[in-house]
Amino acid sequence: MKKIEELIENFKKRNIESYSFLTKDIVKEKILELIPKNASIGFSGSMTLETMGLIKILEERGNRVFNPYQAGLSRGESLEIRKQGSGADYFLASPNAVSQSGELVFLSAYGNRIAGVSYAANVILVAGKNKITPNLSEALKRARNLATPLNCKRLNWASACSQDGICHDEVCFAPQYKRMCCQMLIIESEIVLGRLKIFLVGEDLGF
């Protein structure tokens, strides 16, 4: 608990609004209370959000959700929906890693994740305790050598890291490989108070 309290203080210094709850179910209810039913929603692919069932609930209750993962979409249609989602009223995502000092690390293939987190009017992030690392260096290692290989295996992407679970960024290029970590975002601070909120969960969630 002391480390979480320290982390929350570090977020506060960086102008990032943060909350800590024991379970994902509590966090889910808090987020649903926070988002108006008439708000539009964008999101990036996330096992954390999927495990929580948050996107499905938002769709079912009537929010306009820009979902690029719907069955039957062409690549062009999916990319256009990603673009629209990055400018929605609320953007939901989960960082690949969180440093104890308060930095947030995101990797992205198409850039909509980075665009949404960087510029959406309201951003809500969710991170399980498994994503917290001692420092930024370890956060970057986690993003490259744990989160990305697992996501590549899950989605059957032919990246270099999917073969052995180790980042090979020096060789992971097309056409031989399909690289997932094409862009990187490190949030060091937030200029608009209240725009960026992160909910820490006392459970392991996502990769």
C-alpha atoms as a PDB file:
ATOM      1  CA  MET A   1       0.000   0.000   0.000  1.00  0.00           C
ATOM      2  CA  LYS A   2       2.868   2.376   0.739  1.00  0.00           C
ATOM      3  CA  LYS A   3       4.176   2.038  -2.818  1.00  0.00           C
ATOM      4  CA  ILE A   4       0.730   2.762  -4.241  1.00  0.00           C
ATOM      5  CA  GLU A   5       0.429   5.838  -2.045  1.00  0.00           C
ATOM      6  CA  GLU A   6       3.846   6.999  -3.262  1.00  0.00           C
ATOM      7  CA  LEU A   7       2.846   6.355  -6.868  1.00  0.00           C
ATOM      8  CA  ILE A   8      -0.342   8.379  -6.470  1.00  0.00           C
ATOM      9  CA  GLU A   9       1.695  11.247  -5.023  1.00  0.00           C
ATOM     10  CA  ASN A  10       4.067  11.028  -7.973  1.00  0.00           C
ATOM     11  CA  PHE A  11       1.121  11.171 -10.382  1.00  0.00           C
ATOM     12  CA  LYS A  12      -0.159  14.229  -8.536  1.00  0.00           C
ATOM     13  CA  LYS A  13       3.177  15.997  -9.079  1.00  0.00           C
ATOM     14  CA  ARG A  14       2.825  15.262 -12.789  1.00  0.00           C
ATOM     15  CA  ASN A  15      -0.737  16.676 -12.937  1.00  0.00           C
ATOM     16  CA  ILE A  16      -2.176  13.200 -13.568  1.00  0.00           C
ATOM     17  CA  GLU A  17      -5.361  12.333 -11.673  1.00  0.00           C
ATOM     18  CA  SER A  18      -5.094   8.866 -10.153  1.00  0.00           C
ATOM     19  CA  TYR A  19      -7.225   6.487  -8.124  1.00  0.00           C
ATOM     20  CA  SER A  20      -6.557   3.110  -6.553  1.00  0.00           C
ATOM     21  CA  PHE A  21      -9.086   0.316  -5.973  1.00  0.00           C
ATOM     22  CA  LEU A  22      -8.733  -3.318  -4.993  1.00  0.00           C
ATOM     23  CA  THR A  23     -10.741  -4.947  -7.777  1.00  0.00           C
ATOM     24  CA  LYS A  24     -11.533  -4.412 -11.446  1.00  0.00           C
ATOM     25  CA  ASP A  25     -15.264  -4.601 -10.731  1.00  0.00           C
ATOM     26  CA  ILE A  26     -15.100  -1.539  -8.480  1.00  0.00           C
ATOM     27  CA  VAL A  27     -13.051   0.319 -11.098  1.00  0.00           C
ATOM     28  CA  LYS A  28     -15.535  -0.623 -13.808  1.00  0.00           C
ATOM     29  CA  GLU A  29     -18.438   0.832 -11.830  1.00  0.00           C
ATOM     30  CA  LYS A  30     -16.485   4.022 -11.077  1.00  0.00           C
ATOM     31  CA  ILE A  31     -15.668   4.520 -14.752  1.00  0.00           C
ATOM     32  CA  LEU A  32     -19.260   3.896 -15.829  1.00  0.00           C
ATOM     33  CA  GLU A  33     -20.388   6.522 -13.323  1.00  0.00           C
ATOM     34  CA  LEU A  34     -17.822   8.951 -14.666  1.00  0.00           C
ATOM     35  CA  ILE A  35     -18.717   8.651 -18.378  1.00  0.00           C
ATOM     36  CA  PRO A  36     -22.014  10.276 -19.458  1.00  0.00           C
ATOM     37  CA  LYS A  37     -24.400   8.018 -21.378  1.00  0.00           C
ATOM     38  CA  ASN A  38     -24.427  10.444 -24.308  1.00  0.00           C
ATOM     39  CA  ALA A  39     -20.632  10.598 -24.629  1.00  0.00           C
ATOM     40  CA  SER A  40     -18.790   9.121 -27.602  1.00  0.00           C
ATOM     41  CA  ILE A  41     -16.093   6.561 -26.822  1.00  0.00           C
ATOM     42  CA  GLY A  42     -12.824   5.703 -28.494  1.00  0.00           C
ATOM     43  CA  PHE A  43     -10.475   2.997 -27.279  1.00  0.00           C
ATOM     44  CA  SER A  44      -7.385   1.056 -28.177  1.00  0.00           C
ATOM     45  CA  GLY A  45      -7.110  -2.721 -28.149  1.00  0.00           C
ATOM     46  CA  SER A  46      -6.533  -3.851 -24.581  1.00  0.00           C
ATOM     47  CA  MET A  47      -6.773  -7.159 -22.742  1.00  0.00           C
ATOM     48  CA  THR A  48      -7.363  -5.116 -19.584  1.00  0.00           C
ATOM     49  CA  LEU A  49     -10.472  -3.430 -21.012  1.00  0.00           C
ATOM     50  CA  GLU A  50     -11.605  -6.708 -22.558  1.00  0.00           C
ATOM     51  CA  THR A  51     -11.280  -8.568 -19.259  1.00  0.00           C
ATOM     52  CA  MET A  52     -13.362  -5.888 -17.567  1.00  0.00           C
ATOM     53  CA  GLY A  53     -16.064  -6.084 -20.251  1.00  0.00           C
ATOM     54  CA  LEU A  54     -16.154  -2.290 -20.239  1.00  0.00           C
ATOM     55  CA  ILE A  55     -16.521  -1.659 -23.970  1.00  0.00           C
ATOM     56  CA  LYS A  56     -19.406  -4.086 -24.325  1.00  0.00           C
ATOM     57  CA  ILE A  57     -21.271  -2.449 -21.429  1.00  0.00           C
ATOM     58  CA  LEU A  58     -20.781   1.020 -22.926  1.00  0.00           C
ATOM     59  CA  GLU A  59     -22.099  -0.207 -26.279  1.00  0.00           C
ATOM     60  CA  GLU A  60     -25.101  -1.908 -24.708  1.00  0.00           C
ATOM     61  CA  ARG A  61     -26.118   1.115 -22.637  1.00  0.00           C
ATOM     62  CA  GLY A  62     -26.186   3.325 -25.717  1.00  0.00           C
ATOM     63  CA  ASN A  63     -22.881   5.193 -25.862  1.00  0.00           C
ATOM     64  CA  ARG A  64     -21.560   5.819 -29.362  1.00  0.00           C
ATOM     65  CA  VAL A  65     -18.502   3.573 -29.381  1.00  0.00           C
ATOM     66  CA  PHE A  66     -15.987   3.774 -32.217  1.00  0.00           C
ATOM     67  CA  ASN A  67     -15.108   0.079 -32.352  1.00  0.00           C
ATOM     68  CA  PRO A  68     -12.507  -0.771 -35.020  1.00  0.00           C
ATOM     69  CA  TYR A  69     -12.582  -4.455 -34.074  1.00  0.00           C
ATOM     70  CA  GLN A  70     -16.083  -5.236 -35.325  1.00  0.00           C
ATOM     71  CA  ALA A  71     -16.376  -8.329 -37.493  1.00  0.00           C
ATOM     72  CA  GLY A  72     -16.610  -7.738 -41.221  1.00  0.00           C
ATOM     73  CA  LEU A  73     -14.789  -4.408 -41.367  1.00  0.00           C
ATOM     74  CA  SER A  74     -12.284  -3.828 -44.130  1.00  0.00           C
ATOM     75  CA  ARG A  75      -8.798  -2.609 -43.223  1.00  0.00           C
ATOM     76  CA  GLY A  76      -9.689   0.848 -44.514  1.00  0.00           C
ATOM     77  CA  GLU A  77     -12.900   0.967 -42.485  1.00  0.00           C
ATOM     78  CA  SER A  78     -11.096  -0.157 -39.338  1.00  0.00           C
ATOM     79  CA  LEU A  79      -8.412   2.506 -39.761  1.00  0.00           C
ATOM     80  CA  GLU A  80     -11.026   5.217 -40.298  1.00  0.00           C
ATOM     81  CA  ILE A  81     -12.872   4.193 -37.121  1.00  0.00           C
ATOM     82  CA  ARG A  82      -9.575   4.274 -35.200  1.00  0.00           C
ATOM     83  CA  LYS A  83      -9.050   7.832 -36.437  1.00  0.00           C
ATOM     84  CA  GLN A  84     -12.551   8.876 -35.354  1.00  0.00           C
ATOM     85  CA  GLY A  85     -12.130   7.162 -31.981  1.00  0.00           C
ATOM     86  CA  SER A  86      -8.960   9.084 -31.166  1.00  0.00           C
ATOM     87  CA  GLY A  87     -11.048  12.268 -31.184  1.00  0.00           C
ATOM     88  CA  ALA A  88     -14.020  10.929 -29.216  1.00  0.00           C
ATOM     89  CA  ASP A  89     -15.362  12.560 -26.051  1.00  0.00           C
ATOM     90  CA  TYR A  90     -13.637   9.872 -23.973  1.00  0.00           C
ATOM     91  CA  PHE A  91     -10.684   7.678 -24.906  1.00  0.00           C
ATOM     92  CA  LEU A  92     -10.023   4.469 -22.954  1.00  0.00           C
ATOM     93  CA  ALA A  93      -6.750   2.573 -22.876  1.00  0.00           C
ATOM     94  CA  SER A  94      -4.274   0.731 -20.701  1.00  0.00           C
ATOM     95  CA  PRO A  95      -0.560   1.556 -20.572  1.00  0.00           C
ATOM     96  CA  ASN A  96       1.961  -1.140 -21.356  1.00  0.00           C
ATOM     97  CA  ALA A  97       3.854  -0.144 -18.233  1.00  0.00           C
ATOM     98  CA  VAL A  98       3.815   2.309 -15.331  1.00  0.00           C
ATOM     99  CA  SER A  99       6.938   3.487 -13.544  1.00  0.00           C
ATOM    100  CA  GLN A 100       6.928   3.985  -9.783  1.00  0.00           C
ATOM    101  CA  SER A 101       7.977   7.569 -10.441  1.00  0.00           C
ATOM    102  CA  GLY A 102       4.806   8.191 -12.451  1.00  0.00           C
ATOM    103  CA  GLU A 103       5.714   7.852 -16.132  1.00  0.00           C
ATOM    104  CA  LEU A 104       3.314   5.993 -18.427  1.00  0.00           C
ATOM    105  CA  VAL A 105       4.591   3.968 -21.394  1.00  0.00           C
ATOM    106  CA  PHE A 106       2.558   3.132 -24.499  1.00  0.00           C
ATOM    107  CA  LEU A 107       3.539   1.301 -27.687  1.00  0.00           C
ATOM    108  CA  SER A 108       1.368   1.398 -30.801  1.00  0.00           C
ATOM    109  CA  ALA A 109       1.261  -0.072 -34.291  1.00  0.00           C
ATOM    110  CA  TYR A 110      -1.108   2.306 -36.086  1.00  0.00           C
ATOM    111  CA  GLY A 111      -0.803   5.372 -33.845  1.00  0.00           C
ATOM    112  CA  ASN A 112      -4.470   5.766 -32.857  1.00  0.00           C
ATOM    113  CA  ARG A 113      -3.629   4.699 -29.313  1.00  0.00           C
ATOM    114  CA  ILE A 114      -0.975   7.376 -29.002  1.00  0.00           C
ATOM    115  CA  ALA A 115      -3.168   9.995 -30.687  1.00  0.00           C
ATOM    116  CA  GLY A 116      -6.094   9.297 -28.358  1.00  0.00           C
ATOM    117  CA  VAL A 117      -4.054   9.246 -25.161  1.00  0.00           C
ATOM    118  CA  SER A 118      -2.153  12.386 -26.177  1.00  0.00           C
ATOM    119  CA  TYR A 119      -4.989  14.554 -27.404  1.00  0.00           C
ATOM    120  CA  ALA A 120      -8.500  13.314 -26.548  1.00  0.00           C
ATOM    121  CA  ALA A 121     -10.544  15.685 -24.363  1.00  0.00           C
ATOM    122  CA  ASN A 122     -10.914  13.042 -21.646  1.00  0.00           C
ATOM    123  CA  VAL A 123      -8.631  10.045 -21.210  1.00  0.00           C
ATOM    124  CA  ILE A 124      -9.283   7.170 -18.820  1.00  0.00           C
ATOM    125  CA  LEU A 125      -6.523   4.622 -18.276  1.00  0.00           C
ATOM    126  CA  VAL A 126      -6.677   1.368 -16.330  1.00  0.00           C
ATOM    127  CA  ALA A 127      -3.602  -0.481 -15.060  1.00  0.00           C
ATOM    128  CA  GLY A 128      -3.335  -3.636 -12.999  1.00  0.00           C
ATOM    129  CA  LYS A 129      -0.649  -3.927 -10.343  1.00  0.00           C
ATOM    130  CA  ASN A 130       1.365  -6.192 -12.637  1.00  0.00           C
ATOM    131  CA  LYS A 131       2.160  -3.206 -14.868  1.00  0.00           C
ATOM    132  CA  ILE A 132       3.907  -1.177 -12.168  1.00  0.00           C
ATOM    133  CA  THR A 133       7.702  -1.192 -12.462  1.00  0.00           C
ATOM    134  CA  PRO A 134      10.458   0.305 -10.265  1.00  0.00           C
ATOM    135  CA  ASN A 135      11.550   2.971 -12.772  1.00  0.00           C
ATOM    136  CA  LEU A 136      11.232   4.180 -16.355  1.00  0.00           C
ATOM    137  CA  SER A 137      14.027   1.940 -17.623  1.00  0.00           C
ATOM    138  CA  GLU A 138      12.214  -1.143 -16.317  1.00  0.00           C
ATOM    139  CA  ALA A 139       8.922   0.181 -17.678  1.00  0.00           C
ATOM    140  CA  LEU A 140      10.421   0.364 -21.175  1.00  0.00           C
ATOM    141  CA  LYS A 141      11.809  -3.159 -20.805  1.00  0.00           C
ATOM    142  CA  ARG A 142       8.405  -4.418 -19.707  1.00  0.00           C
ATOM    143  CA  ALA A 143       6.676  -2.800 -22.673  1.00  0.00           C
ATOM    144  CA  ARG A 144       9.139  -4.219 -25.202  1.00  0.00           C
ATOM    145  CA  ASN A 145      10.005  -7.616 -23.727  1.00  0.00           C
ATOM    146  CA  LEU A 146       6.787  -8.677 -22.023  1.00  0.00           C
ATOM    147  CA  ALA A 147       3.700  -6.798 -23.182  1.00  0.00           C
ATOM    148  CA  THR A 148       4.514  -6.650 -26.893  1.00  0.00           C
ATOM    149  CA  PRO A 149       5.597 -10.292 -27.382  1.00  0.00           C
ATOM    150  CA  LEU A 150       2.494 -11.535 -25.548  1.00  0.00           C
ATOM    151  CA  ASN A 151       0.227  -9.299 -27.615  1.00  0.00           C
ATOM    152  CA  CYS A 152       1.919 -10.407 -30.838  1.00  0.00           C
ATOM    153  CA  LYS A 153       1.355 -14.052 -29.918  1.00  0.00           C
ATOM    154  CA  ARG A 154      -2.260 -13.341 -28.949  1.00  0.00           C
ATOM    155  CA  LEU A 155      -2.971 -11.643 -32.284  1.00  0.00           C
ATOM    156  CA  ASN A 156      -0.737 -13.952 -34.324  1.00  0.00           C
ATOM    157  CA  TRP A 157       1.460 -11.123 -35.580  1.00  0.00           C
ATOM    158  CA  ALA A 158       4.618 -12.286 -37.333  1.00  0.00           C
ATOM    159  CA  SER A 159       6.946 -10.027 -35.349  1.00  0.00           C
ATOM    160  CA  ALA A 160      10.509 -10.917 -34.407  1.00  0.00           C
ATOM    161  CA  CYS A 161       9.658 -10.973 -30.698  1.00  0.00           C
ATOM    162  CA  SER A 162       6.788 -13.430 -31.143  1.00  0.00           C
ATOM    163  CA  GLN A 163       9.331 -16.171 -31.771  1.00  0.00           C
ATOM    164  CA  ASP A 164      11.302 -15.984 -28.519  1.00  0.00           C
ATOM    165  CA  GLY A 165       9.620 -13.275 -26.409  1.00  0.00           C
ATOM    166  CA  ILE A 166      12.613 -10.927 -26.729  1.00  0.00           C
ATOM    167  CA  CYS A 167      12.575  -7.544 -28.454  1.00  0.00           C
ATOM    168  CA  HIS A 168      14.651  -7.459 -31.645  1.00  0.00           C
ATOM    169  CA  ASP A 169      13.955  -3.876 -32.638  1.00  0.00           C
ATOM    170  CA  GLU A 170      17.133  -3.702 -34.721  1.00  0.00           C
ATOM    171  CA  VAL A 171      15.796  -6.256 -37.241  1.00  0.00           C
ATOM    172  CA  CYS A 172      12.021  -6.204 -36.796  1.00  0.00           C
ATOM    173  CA  PHE A 173      11.050  -4.494 -40.051  1.00  0.00           C
ATOM    174  CA  ALA A 174       8.837  -5.202 -43.062  1.00  0.00           C
ATOM    175  CA  PRO A 175       8.545  -7.199 -45.191  1.00  0.00           C
ATOM    176  CA  GLN A 176      10.098  -9.987 -43.120  1.00  0.00           C
ATOM    177  CA  TYR A 177       8.263  -9.067 -39.939  1.00  0.00           C
ATOM    178  CA  LYS A 178       5.006  -7.388 -38.946  1.00  0.00           C
ATOM    179  CA  ARG A 179       6.116  -5.018 -36.213  1.00  0.00           C
ATOM    180  CA  MET A 180       3.704  -3.975 -33.451  1.00  0.00           C
ATOM    181  CA  CYS A 181       5.788  -1.375 -31.570  1.00  0.00           C
ATOM    182  CA  CYS A 182       6.033   1.194 -34.363  1.00  0.00           C
ATOM    183  CA  GLN A 183       5.469   4.245 -32.169  1.00  0.00           C
ATOM    184  CA  MET A 184       6.249   4.909 -28.531  1.00  0.00           C
ATOM    185  CA  LEU A 185       4.681   7.417 -26.154  1.00  0.00           C
ATOM    186  CA  ILE A 186       6.003   8.276 -22.702  1.00  0.00           C
ATOM    187  CA  ILE A 187       3.687  10.459 -20.644  1.00  0.00           C
ATOM    188  CA  GLU A 188       5.881  12.431 -18.262  1.00  0.00           C
ATOM    189  CA  SER A 189       3.323  15.048 -17.244  1.00  0.00           C
ATOM    190  CA  GLU A 190      -0.093  16.466 -18.165  1.00  0.00           C
ATOM    191  CA  ILE A 191      -0.733  20.156 -18.775  1.00  0.00           C
ATOM    192  CA  VAL A 192      -4.555  20.095 -18.475  1.00  0.00           C
ATOM    193  CA  LEU A 193      -5.678  19.172 -14.968  1.00  0.00           C
ATOM    194  CA  GLY A 194      -8.346  16.481 -15.032  1.00  0.00           C
ATOM    195  CA  ARG A 195      -7.894  15.470 -18.683  1.00  0.00           C
ATOM    196  CA  LEU A 196      -5.873  12.354 -17.900  1.00  0.00           C
ATOM    197  CA  LYS A 197      -7.100   9.913 -15.261  1.00  0.00           C
ATOM    198  CA  ILE A 198      -5.595   6.568 -14.338  1.00  0.00           C
ATOM    199  CA  PHE A 199      -7.276   3.883 -12.270  1.00  0.00           C
ATOM    200  CA  LEU A 200      -4.887   1.500 -10.538  1.00  0.00           C
ATOM    201  CA  VAL A 201      -6.265  -1.955  -9.787  1.00  0.00           C
ATOM    202  CA  GLY A 202      -4.989  -4.237  -7.034  1.00  0.00           C
ATOM    203  CA  GLU A 203      -5.158  -7.238  -9.387  1.00  0.00           C
ATOM    204  CA  ASP A 204      -3.097  -8.513 -12.292  1.00  0.00           C
ATOM    205  CA  LEU A 205      -4.766  -7.340 -15.510  1.00  0.00           C
ATOM    206  CA  GLY A 206      -3.704  -7.626 -19.124  1.00  0.00           C
ATOM    207  CA  PHE A 207      -0.163  -7.949 -20.420  1.00  0.00           C
END
